[in-house]
């Protein structure tokens, strides 16, 4: 079974990096602060949704399905935060 603490730390780490990048973007481009703040809010909403998924696996009594569930969740974490970083990059062009 996946270590839930590690997954939650990974989610928080990625959110922390996103928020830091958003803060830096606001510092260098104050005219785009509303768009950047929207990306920051989406990151927090994503974090909350991912925490809900981490805490509630679909089939908790089947170890094989739980492993597959958390493997898919790890991929989702990378993909979703990657989309937010790309969105931030587009704003900063």
PDB file of N, CA and C in Angstrom:
ATOM      1  N   UNK A   1       0.840  -1.182   0.000  1.00  0.00           N
ATOM      2  CA  UNK A   1       0.000   0.000   0.000  1.00  0.00           C
ATOM      3  C   UNK A   1       0.878   1.237   0.000  1.00  0.00           C
ATOM      4  N   UNK A   2       0.396   2.251  -0.667  1.00  0.00           N
ATOM      5  CA  UNK A   2       1.153   3.497  -0.773  1.00  0.00           C
ATOM      6  C   UNK A   2       1.198   4.214   0.570  1.00  0.00           C
ATOM      7  N   UNK A   3       2.281   4.914   0.780  1.00  0.00           N
ATOM      8  CA  UNK A   3       2.421   5.696   1.994  1.00  0.00           C
ATOM      9  C   UNK A   3       1.696   7.022   1.775  1.00  0.00           C
ATOM     10  N   UNK A   4       0.586   7.197   2.446  1.00  0.00           N
ATOM     11  CA  UNK A   4      -0.250   8.377   2.247  1.00  0.00           C
ATOM     12  C   UNK A   4       0.466   9.658   2.642  1.00  0.00           C
ATOM     13  N   UNK A   5       1.283   9.573   3.656  1.00  0.00           N
ATOM     14  CA  UNK A   5       2.017  10.749   4.115  1.00  0.00           C
ATOM     15  C   UNK A   5       2.937  11.272   3.012  1.00  0.00           C
ATOM     16  N   UNK A   6       3.590  10.365   2.294  1.00  0.00           N
ATOM     17  CA  UNK A   6       4.495  10.766   1.211  1.00  0.00           C
ATOM     18  C   UNK A   6       3.707  11.407   0.065  1.00  0.00           C
ATOM     19  N   UNK A   7       2.562  10.833  -0.272  1.00  0.00           N
ATOM     20  CA  UNK A   7       1.733  11.416  -1.329  1.00  0.00           C
ATOM     21  C   UNK A   7       1.265  12.820  -0.958  1.00  0.00           C
ATOM     22  N   UNK A   8       0.844  12.990   0.272  1.00  0.00           N
ATOM     23  CA  UNK A   8       0.381  14.305   0.714  1.00  0.00           C
ATOM     24  C   UNK A   8       1.522  15.317   0.723  1.00  0.00           C
ATOM     25  N   UNK A   9       2.705  14.879   1.115  1.00  0.00           N
ATOM     26  CA  UNK A   9       3.859  15.778   1.096  1.00  0.00           C
ATOM     27  C   UNK A   9       4.208  16.175  -0.333  1.00  0.00           C
ATOM     28  N   UNK A  10       4.081  15.237  -1.264  1.00  0.00           N
ATOM     29  CA  UNK A  10       4.359  15.545  -2.658  1.00  0.00           C
ATOM     30  C   UNK A  10       3.363  16.563  -3.202  1.00  0.00           C
ATOM     31  N   UNK A  11       2.104  16.386  -2.866  1.00  0.00           N
ATOM     32  CA  UNK A  11       1.074  17.338  -3.299  1.00  0.00           C
ATOM     33  C   UNK A  11       1.370  18.715  -2.726  1.00  0.00           C
ATOM     34  N   UNK A  12       1.669  18.779  -1.434  1.00  0.00           N
ATOM     35  CA  UNK A  12       1.969  20.062  -0.799  1.00  0.00           C
ATOM     36  C   UNK A  12       3.225  20.700  -1.381  1.00  0.00           C
ATOM     37  N   UNK A  13       4.231  19.890  -1.693  1.00  0.00           N
ATOM     38  CA  UNK A  13       5.465  20.415  -2.276  1.00  0.00           C
ATOM     39  C   UNK A  13       5.180  21.054  -3.640  1.00  0.00           C
ATOM     40  N   UNK A  14       4.410  20.360  -4.458  1.00  0.00           N
ATOM     41  CA  UNK A  14       4.098  20.907  -5.785  1.00  0.00           C
ATOM     42  C   UNK A  14       3.262  22.182  -5.671  1.00  0.00           C
ATOM     43  N   UNK A  15       2.334  22.215  -4.726  1.00  0.00           N
ATOM     44  CA  UNK A  15       1.556  23.437  -4.526  1.00  0.00           C
ATOM     45  C   UNK A  15       2.460  24.565  -4.043  1.00  0.00           C
ATOM     46  N   UNK A  16       3.361  24.261  -3.146  1.00  0.00           N
ATOM     47  CA  UNK A  16       4.297  25.271  -2.634  1.00  0.00           C
ATOM     48  C   UNK A  16       5.134  25.862  -3.770  1.00  0.00           C
ATOM     49  N   UNK A  17       5.611  25.009  -4.671  1.00  0.00           N
ATOM     50  CA  UNK A  17       6.393  25.486  -5.815  1.00  0.00           C
ATOM     51  C   UNK A  17       5.543  26.357  -6.737  1.00  0.00           C
ATOM     52  N   UNK A  18       4.297  25.961  -6.953  1.00  0.00           N
ATOM     53  CA  UNK A  18       3.398  26.746  -7.795  1.00  0.00           C
ATOM     54  C   UNK A  18       3.144  28.116  -7.181  1.00  0.00           C
ATOM     55  N   UNK A  19       2.859  28.152  -5.900  1.00  0.00           N
ATOM     56  CA  UNK A  19       2.592  29.423  -5.216  1.00  0.00           C
ATOM     57  C   UNK A  19       3.834  30.312  -5.242  1.00  0.00           C
ATOM     58  N   UNK A  20       5.006  29.727  -5.034  1.00  0.00           N
ATOM     59  CA  UNK A  20       6.243  30.503  -5.090  1.00  0.00           C
ATOM     60  C   UNK A  20       6.442  31.099  -6.478  1.00  0.00           C
ATOM     61  N   UNK A  21       6.236  30.294  -7.514  1.00  0.00           N
ATOM     62  CA  UNK A  21       6.378  30.802  -8.882  1.00  0.00           C
ATOM     63  C   UNK A  21       5.349  31.884  -9.174  1.00  0.00           C
ATOM     64  N   UNK A  22       4.138  31.722  -8.655  1.00  0.00           N
ATOM     65  CA  UNK A  22       3.110  32.747  -8.837  1.00  0.00           C
ATOM     66  C   UNK A  22       3.506  34.049  -8.129  1.00  0.00           C
ATOM     67  N   UNK A  23       4.040  33.938  -6.933  1.00  0.00           N
ATOM     68  CA  UNK A  23       4.498  35.134  -6.210  1.00  0.00           C
ATOM     69  C   UNK A  23       5.589  35.864  -6.981  1.00  0.00           C
ATOM     70  N   UNK A  24       6.517  35.101  -7.520  1.00  0.00           N
ATOM     71  CA  UNK A  24       7.591  35.716  -8.306  1.00  0.00           C
ATOM     72  C   UNK A  24       7.030  36.361  -9.566  1.00  0.00           C
ATOM     73  N   UNK A  25       6.058  35.725 -10.198  1.00  0.00           N
ATOM     74  CA  UNK A  25       5.458  36.287 -11.406  1.00  0.00           C
ATOM     75  C   UNK A  25       4.719  37.590 -11.082  1.00  0.00           C
ATOM     76  N   UNK A  26       4.022  37.613  -9.962  1.00  0.00           N
ATOM     77  CA  UNK A  26       3.319  38.842  -9.556  1.00  0.00           C
ATOM     78  C   UNK A  26       4.320  39.952  -9.266  1.00  0.00           C
ATOM     79  N   UNK A  27       5.447  39.602  -8.676  1.00  0.00           N
ATOM     80  CA  UNK A  27       6.474  40.594  -8.364  1.00  0.00           C
ATOM     81  C   UNK A  27       7.029  41.231  -9.636  1.00  0.00           C
ATOM     82  N   UNK A  28       7.266  40.408 -10.657  1.00  0.00           N
ATOM     83  CA  UNK A  28       7.865  40.926 -11.884  1.00  0.00           C
ATOM     84  C   UNK A  28       6.837  41.455 -12.874  1.00  0.00           C
ATOM     85  N   UNK A  29       5.579  41.030 -12.768  1.00  0.00           N
ATOM     86  CA  UNK A  29       4.535  41.507 -13.672  1.00  0.00           C
ATOM     87  C   UNK A  29       3.278  41.857 -12.885  1.00  0.00           C
ATOM     88  N   UNK A  30       3.310  42.957 -12.172  1.00  0.00           N
ATOM     89  CA  UNK A  30       2.154  43.310 -11.336  1.00  0.00           C
ATOM     90  C   UNK A  30       0.878  43.595 -12.135  1.00  0.00           C
ATOM     91  N   UNK A  31       1.010  43.882 -13.426  1.00  0.00           N
ATOM     92  CA  UNK A  31      -0.180  44.157 -14.238  1.00  0.00           C
ATOM     93  C   UNK A  31      -1.025  42.901 -14.458  1.00  0.00           C
ATOM     94  N   UNK A  32      -0.426  41.733 -14.329  1.00  0.00           N
ATOM     95  CA  UNK A  32      -1.132  40.475 -14.569  1.00  0.00           C
ATOM     96  C   UNK A  32      -1.466  39.748 -13.267  1.00  0.00           C
ATOM     97  N   UNK A  33      -1.580  40.482 -12.188  1.00  0.00           N
ATOM     98  CA  UNK A  33      -1.766  39.838 -10.892  1.00  0.00           C
ATOM     99  C   UNK A  33      -3.074  39.074 -10.764  1.00  0.00           C
ATOM    100  N   UNK A  34      -4.152  39.543 -11.390  1.00  0.00           N
ATOM    101  CA  UNK A  34      -5.433  38.843 -11.278  1.00  0.00           C
ATOM    102  C   UNK A  34      -5.378  37.484 -11.975  1.00  0.00           C
ATOM    103  N   UNK A  35      -4.758  37.427 -13.154  1.00  0.00           N
ATOM    104  CA  UNK A  35      -4.639  36.152 -13.877  1.00  0.00           C
ATOM    105  C   UNK A  35      -3.759  35.174 -13.104  1.00  0.00           C
ATOM    106  N   UNK A  36      -2.681  35.677 -12.544  1.00  0.00           N
ATOM    107  CA  UNK A  36      -1.755  34.835 -11.795  1.00  0.00           C
ATOM    108  C   UNK A  36      -2.416  34.348 -10.504  1.00  0.00           C
ATOM    109  N   UNK A  37      -3.173  35.220  -9.872  1.00  0.00           N
ATOM    110  CA  UNK A  37      -3.873  34.829  -8.646  1.00  0.00           C
ATOM    111  C   UNK A  37      -4.900  33.735  -8.936  1.00  0.00           C
ATOM    112  N   UNK A  38      -5.514  33.784 -10.124  1.00  0.00           N
ATOM    113  CA  UNK A  38      -6.460  32.744 -10.515  1.00  0.00           C
ATOM    114  C   UNK A  38      -5.770  31.387 -10.612  1.00  0.00           C
ATOM    115  N   UNK A  39      -4.552  31.361 -11.171  1.00  0.00           N
ATOM    116  CA  UNK A  39      -3.787  30.122 -11.255  1.00  0.00           C
ATOM    117  C   UNK A  39      -3.469  29.615  -9.853  1.00  0.00           C
ATOM    118  N   UNK A  40      -3.144  30.521  -8.956  1.00  0.00           N
ATOM    119  CA  UNK A  40      -2.846  30.143  -7.577  1.00  0.00           C
ATOM    120  C   UNK A  40      -4.083  29.518  -6.917  1.00  0.00           C
ATOM    121  N   UNK A  41      -5.240  30.102  -7.152  1.00  0.00           N
ATOM    122  CA  UNK A  41      -6.476  29.560  -6.592  1.00  0.00           C
ATOM    123  C   UNK A  41      -6.785  28.177  -7.163  1.00  0.00           C
ATOM    124  N   UNK A  42      -6.534  27.996  -8.459  1.00  0.00           N
ATOM    125  CA  UNK A  42      -6.753  26.684  -9.069  1.00  0.00           C
ATOM    126  C   UNK A  42      -5.830  25.645  -8.441  1.00  0.00           C
ATOM    127  N   UNK A  43      -4.616  26.047  -8.109  1.00  0.00           N
ATOM    128  CA  UNK A  43      -3.680  25.142  -7.463  1.00  0.00           C
ATOM    129  C   UNK A  43      -4.177  24.700  -6.098  1.00  0.00           C
ATOM    130  N   UNK A  44      -4.736  25.622  -5.335  1.00  0.00           N
ATOM    131  CA  UNK A  44      -5.269  25.272  -4.015  1.00  0.00           C
ATOM    132  C   UNK A  44      -6.479  24.352  -4.149  1.00  0.00           C
ATOM    133  N   UNK A  45      -7.340  24.633  -5.133  1.00  0.00           N
ATOM    134  CA  UNK A  45      -8.495  23.759  -5.355  1.00  0.00           C
ATOM    135  C   UNK A  45      -8.052  22.362  -5.778  1.00  0.00           C
ATOM    136  N   UNK A  46      -7.015  22.300  -6.611  1.00  0.00           N
ATOM    137  CA  UNK A  46      -6.472  21.008  -7.034  1.00  0.00           C
ATOM    138  C   UNK A  46      -5.908  20.253  -5.840  1.00  0.00           C
ATOM    139  N   UNK A  47      -5.204  20.947  -4.989  1.00  0.00           N
ATOM    140  CA  UNK A  47      -4.641  20.317  -3.789  1.00  0.00           C
ATOM    141  C   UNK A  47      -5.739  19.712  -2.936  1.00  0.00           C
ATOM    142  N   UNK A  48      -6.809  20.446  -2.724  1.00  0.00           N
ATOM    143  CA  UNK A  48      -7.913  19.945  -1.906  1.00  0.00           C
ATOM    144  C   UNK A  48      -8.566  18.723  -2.550  1.00  0.00           C
ATOM    145  N   UNK A  49      -8.743  18.751  -3.866  1.00  0.00           N
ATOM    146  CA  UNK A  49      -9.350  17.624  -4.569  1.00  0.00           C
ATOM    147  C   UNK A  49      -8.442  16.395  -4.496  1.00  0.00           C
ATOM    148  N   UNK A  50      -7.133  16.610  -4.640  1.00  0.00           N
ATOM    149  CA  UNK A  50      -6.198  15.485  -4.576  1.00  0.00           C
ATOM    150  C   UNK A  50      -6.134  14.889  -3.176  1.00  0.00           C
ATOM    151  N   UNK A  51      -6.200  15.721  -2.165  1.00  0.00           N
ATOM    152  CA  UNK A  51      -6.216  15.214  -0.784  1.00  0.00           C
ATOM    153  C   UNK A  51      -7.440  14.322  -0.560  1.00  0.00           C
ATOM    154  N   UNK A  52      -8.574  14.737  -1.117  1.00  0.00           N
ATOM    155  CA  UNK A  52      -9.785  13.934  -0.993  1.00  0.00           C
ATOM    156  C   UNK A  52      -9.588  12.578  -1.659  1.00  0.00           C
ATOM    157  N   UNK A  53      -8.946  12.584  -2.831  1.00  0.00           N
ATOM    158  CA  UNK A  53      -8.700  11.320  -3.531  1.00  0.00           C
ATOM    159  C   UNK A  53      -7.706  10.444  -2.780  1.00  0.00           C
ATOM    160  N   UNK A  54      -6.701  11.053  -2.181  1.00  0.00           N
ATOM    161  CA  UNK A  54      -5.712  10.272  -1.423  1.00  0.00           C
ATOM    162  C   UNK A  54      -6.378   9.590  -0.237  1.00  0.00           C
ATOM    163  N   UNK A  55      -7.262  10.290   0.430  1.00  0.00           N
ATOM    164  CA  UNK A  55      -7.892   9.760   1.637  1.00  0.00           C
ATOM    165  C   UNK A  55      -9.013   8.764   1.369  1.00  0.00           C
ATOM    166  N   UNK A  56      -9.504   8.715   0.116  1.00  0.00           N
ATOM    167  CA  UNK A  56     -10.649   7.866  -0.193  1.00  0.00           C
ATOM    168  C   UNK A  56     -10.394   6.995  -1.419  1.00  0.00           C
ATOM    169  N   UNK A  57      -9.599   5.933  -1.295  1.00  0.00           N
ATOM    170  CA  UNK A  57      -9.395   5.050  -2.448  1.00  0.00           C
ATOM    171  C   UNK A  57     -10.702   4.349  -2.825  1.00  0.00           C
ATOM    172  N   UNK A  58     -10.814   3.984  -4.090  1.00  0.00           N
ATOM    173  CA  UNK A  58     -12.071   3.407  -4.573  1.00  0.00           C
ATOM    174  C   UNK A  58     -12.364   2.027  -3.985  1.00  0.00           C
ATOM    175  N   UNK A  59     -11.367   1.187  -3.877  1.00  0.00           N
ATOM    176  CA  UNK A  59     -11.545  -0.183  -3.389  1.00  0.00           C
ATOM    177  C   UNK A  59     -10.525  -0.444  -2.287  1.00  0.00           C
ATOM    178  N   UNK A  60     -10.770   0.026  -1.054  1.00  0.00           N
ATOM    179  CA  UNK A  60      -9.739  -0.030   0.000  1.00  0.00           C
ATOM    180  C   UNK A  60      -9.369  -1.432   0.486  1.00  0.00           C
ATOM    181  N   UNK A  61     -10.165  -2.440   0.176  1.00  0.00           N
ATOM    182  CA  UNK A  61      -9.885  -3.775   0.707  1.00  0.00           C
ATOM    183  C   UNK A  61      -9.192  -4.689  -0.298  1.00  0.00           C
ATOM    184  N   UNK A  62      -8.898  -4.171  -1.486  1.00  0.00           N
ATOM    185  CA  UNK A  62      -8.222  -4.964  -2.508  1.00  0.00           C
ATOM    186  C   UNK A  62      -6.843  -4.347  -2.765  1.00  0.00           C
ATOM    187  N   UNK A  63      -5.772  -4.921  -2.214  1.00  0.00           N
ATOM    188  CA  UNK A  63      -4.437  -4.322  -2.320  1.00  0.00           C
ATOM    189  C   UNK A  63      -3.966  -4.074  -3.754  1.00  0.00           C
ATOM    190  N   UNK A  64      -4.315  -4.951  -4.660  1.00  0.00           N
ATOM    191  CA  UNK A  64      -3.904  -4.784  -6.051  1.00  0.00           C
ATOM    192  C   UNK A  64      -4.539  -3.540  -6.661  1.00  0.00           C
ATOM    193  N   UNK A  65      -5.817  -3.369  -6.427  1.00  0.00           N
ATOM    194  CA  UNK A  65      -6.510  -2.192  -6.959  1.00  0.00           C
ATOM    195  C   UNK A  65      -6.055  -0.911  -6.268  1.00  0.00           C
ATOM    196  N   UNK A  66      -5.719  -1.004  -5.005  1.00  0.00           N
ATOM    197  CA  UNK A  66      -5.234   0.178  -4.275  1.00  0.00           C
ATOM    198  C   UNK A  66      -3.905   0.637  -4.858  1.00  0.00           C
ATOM    199  N   UNK A  67      -3.017  -0.303  -5.170  1.00  0.00           N
ATOM    200  CA  UNK A  67      -1.731   0.058  -5.785  1.00  0.00           C
ATOM    201  C   UNK A  67      -1.940   0.740  -7.129  1.00  0.00           C
ATOM    202  N   UNK A  68      -2.835   0.185  -7.933  1.00  0.00           N
ATOM    203  CA  UNK A  68      -3.127   0.778  -9.239  1.00  0.00           C
ATOM    204  C   UNK A  68      -3.762   2.161  -9.083  1.00  0.00           C
ATOM    205  N   UNK A  69      -4.615   2.298  -8.098  1.00  0.00           N
ATOM    206  CA  UNK A  69      -5.286   3.573  -7.840  1.00  0.00           C
ATOM    207  C   UNK A  69      -4.262   4.649  -7.491  1.00  0.00           C
ATOM    208  N   UNK A  70      -3.337   4.325  -6.594  1.00  0.00           N
ATOM    209  CA  UNK A  70      -2.353   5.323  -6.186  1.00  0.00           C
ATOM    210  C   UNK A  70      -1.318   5.589  -7.275  1.00  0.00           C
ATOM    211  N   UNK A  71      -1.022   4.608  -8.111  1.00  0.00           N
ATOM    212  CA  UNK A  71      -0.126   4.842  -9.249  1.00  0.00           C
ATOM    213  C   UNK A  71      -0.780   5.820 -10.226  1.00  0.00           C
ATOM    214  N   UNK A  72      -2.060   5.633 -10.484  1.00  0.00           N
ATOM    215  CA  UNK A  72      -2.787   6.556 -11.360  1.00  0.00           C
ATOM    216  C   UNK A  72      -2.879   7.938 -10.722  1.00  0.00           C
ATOM    217  N   UNK A  73      -3.043   7.969  -9.419  1.00  0.00           N
ATOM    218  CA  UNK A  73      -3.118   9.249  -8.718  1.00  0.00           C
ATOM    219  C   UNK A  73      -1.795  10.008  -8.805  1.00  0.00           C
ATOM    220  N   UNK A  74      -0.681   9.300  -8.709  1.00  0.00           N
ATOM    221  CA  UNK A  74       0.627   9.956  -8.856  1.00  0.00           C
ATOM    222  C   UNK A  74       0.770  10.581 -10.242  1.00  0.00           C
ATOM    223  N   UNK A  75       0.329   9.835 -11.273  1.00  0.00           N
ATOM    224  CA  UNK A  75       0.379  10.388 -12.632  1.00  0.00           C
ATOM    225  C   UNK A  75      -0.503  11.626 -12.745  1.00  0.00           C
ATOM    226  N   UNK A  76      -1.668  11.569 -12.121  1.00  0.00           N
ATOM    227  CA  UNK A  76      -2.582  12.704 -12.155  1.00  0.00           C
ATOM    228  C   UNK A  76      -1.969  13.927 -11.468  1.00  0.00           C
ATOM    229  N   UNK A  77      -1.278  13.716 -10.368  1.00  0.00           N
ATOM    230  CA  UNK A  77      -0.627  14.823  -9.653  1.00  0.00           C
ATOM    231  C   UNK A  77       0.359  15.528 -10.585  1.00  0.00           C
ATOM    232  N   UNK A  78       1.183  14.752 -11.246  1.00  0.00           N
ATOM    233  CA  UNK A  78       2.195  15.317 -12.140  1.00  0.00           C
ATOM    234  C   UNK A  78       1.527  16.055 -13.305  1.00  0.00           C
ATOM    235  N   UNK A  79       0.524  15.431 -13.921  1.00  0.00           N
ATOM    236  CA  UNK A  79      -0.135  16.023 -15.076  1.00  0.00           C
ATOM    237  C   UNK A  79      -0.862  17.321 -14.715  1.00  0.00           C
ATOM    238  N   UNK A  80      -1.624  17.292 -13.659  1.00  0.00           N
ATOM    239  CA  UNK A  80      -2.452  18.453 -13.308  1.00  0.00           C
ATOM    240  C   UNK A  80      -1.604  19.652 -12.874  1.00  0.00           C
ATOM    241  N   UNK A  81      -0.583  19.401 -12.060  1.00  0.00           N
ATOM    242  CA  UNK A  81       0.279  20.519 -11.676  1.00  0.00           C
ATOM    243  C   UNK A  81       1.095  20.993 -12.870  1.00  0.00           C
ATOM    244  N   UNK A  82       1.449  20.078 -13.772  1.00  0.00           N
ATOM    245  CA  UNK A  82       2.146  20.472 -14.991  1.00  0.00           C
ATOM    246  C   UNK A  82       1.306  21.413 -15.833  1.00  0.00           C
ATOM    247  N   UNK A  83       0.010  21.148 -15.915  1.00  0.00           N
ATOM    248  CA  UNK A  83      -0.890  22.031 -16.659  1.00  0.00           C
ATOM    249  C   UNK A  83      -0.928  23.422 -16.031  1.00  0.00           C
ATOM    250  N   UNK A  84      -0.942  23.471 -14.707  1.00  0.00           N
ATOM    251  CA  UNK A  84      -0.968  24.779 -14.039  1.00  0.00           C
ATOM    252  C   UNK A  84       0.334  25.545 -14.264  1.00  0.00           C
ATOM    253  N   UNK A  85       1.467  24.841 -14.243  1.00  0.00           N
ATOM    254  CA  UNK A  85       2.745  25.503 -14.516  1.00  0.00           C
ATOM    255  C   UNK A  85       2.789  26.005 -15.961  1.00  0.00           C
ATOM    256  N   UNK A  86       2.253  25.244 -16.897  1.00  0.00           N
ATOM    257  CA  UNK A  86       2.184  25.688 -18.278  1.00  0.00           C
ATOM    258  C   UNK A  86       1.295  26.913 -18.424  1.00  0.00           C
ATOM    259  N   UNK A  87       0.186  26.906 -17.721  1.00  0.00           N
ATOM    260  CA  UNK A  87      -0.728  28.053 -17.753  1.00  0.00           C
ATOM    261  C   UNK A  87      -0.035  29.301 -17.218  1.00  0.00           C
ATOM    262  N   UNK A  88       0.723  29.140 -16.150  1.00  0.00           N
ATOM    263  CA  UNK A  88       1.479  30.264 -15.594  1.00  0.00           C
ATOM    264  C   UNK A  88       2.525  30.754 -16.582  1.00  0.00           C
ATOM    265  N   UNK A  89       3.168  29.838 -17.273  1.00  0.00           N
ATOM    266  CA  UNK A  89       4.162  30.212 -18.270  1.00  0.00           C
ATOM    267  C   UNK A  89       3.539  30.999 -19.412  1.00  0.00           C
ATOM    268  N   UNK A  90       2.358  30.601 -19.822  1.00  0.00           N
ATOM    269  CA  UNK A  90       1.660  31.315 -20.897  1.00  0.00           C
ATOM    270  C   UNK A  90       1.321  32.752 -20.466  1.00  0.00           C
ATOM    271  N   UNK A  91       0.921  32.911 -19.221  1.00  0.00           N
ATOM    272  CA  UNK A  91       0.612  34.249 -18.705  1.00  0.00           C
ATOM    273  C   UNK A  91       1.852  35.123 -18.692  1.00  0.00           C
ATOM    274  N   UNK A  92       3.006  34.540 -18.410  1.00  0.00           N
ATOM    275  CA  UNK A  92       4.243  35.303 -18.262  1.00  0.00           C
ATOM    276  C   UNK A  92       4.941  35.630 -19.562  1.00  0.00           C
ATOM    277  N   UNK A  93       4.420  35.172 -20.690  1.00  0.00           N
ATOM    278  CA  UNK A  93       5.089  35.466 -21.964  1.00  0.00           C
ATOM    279  C   UNK A  93       5.028  36.915 -22.323  1.00  0.00           C
TER     280      UNK A  93
END
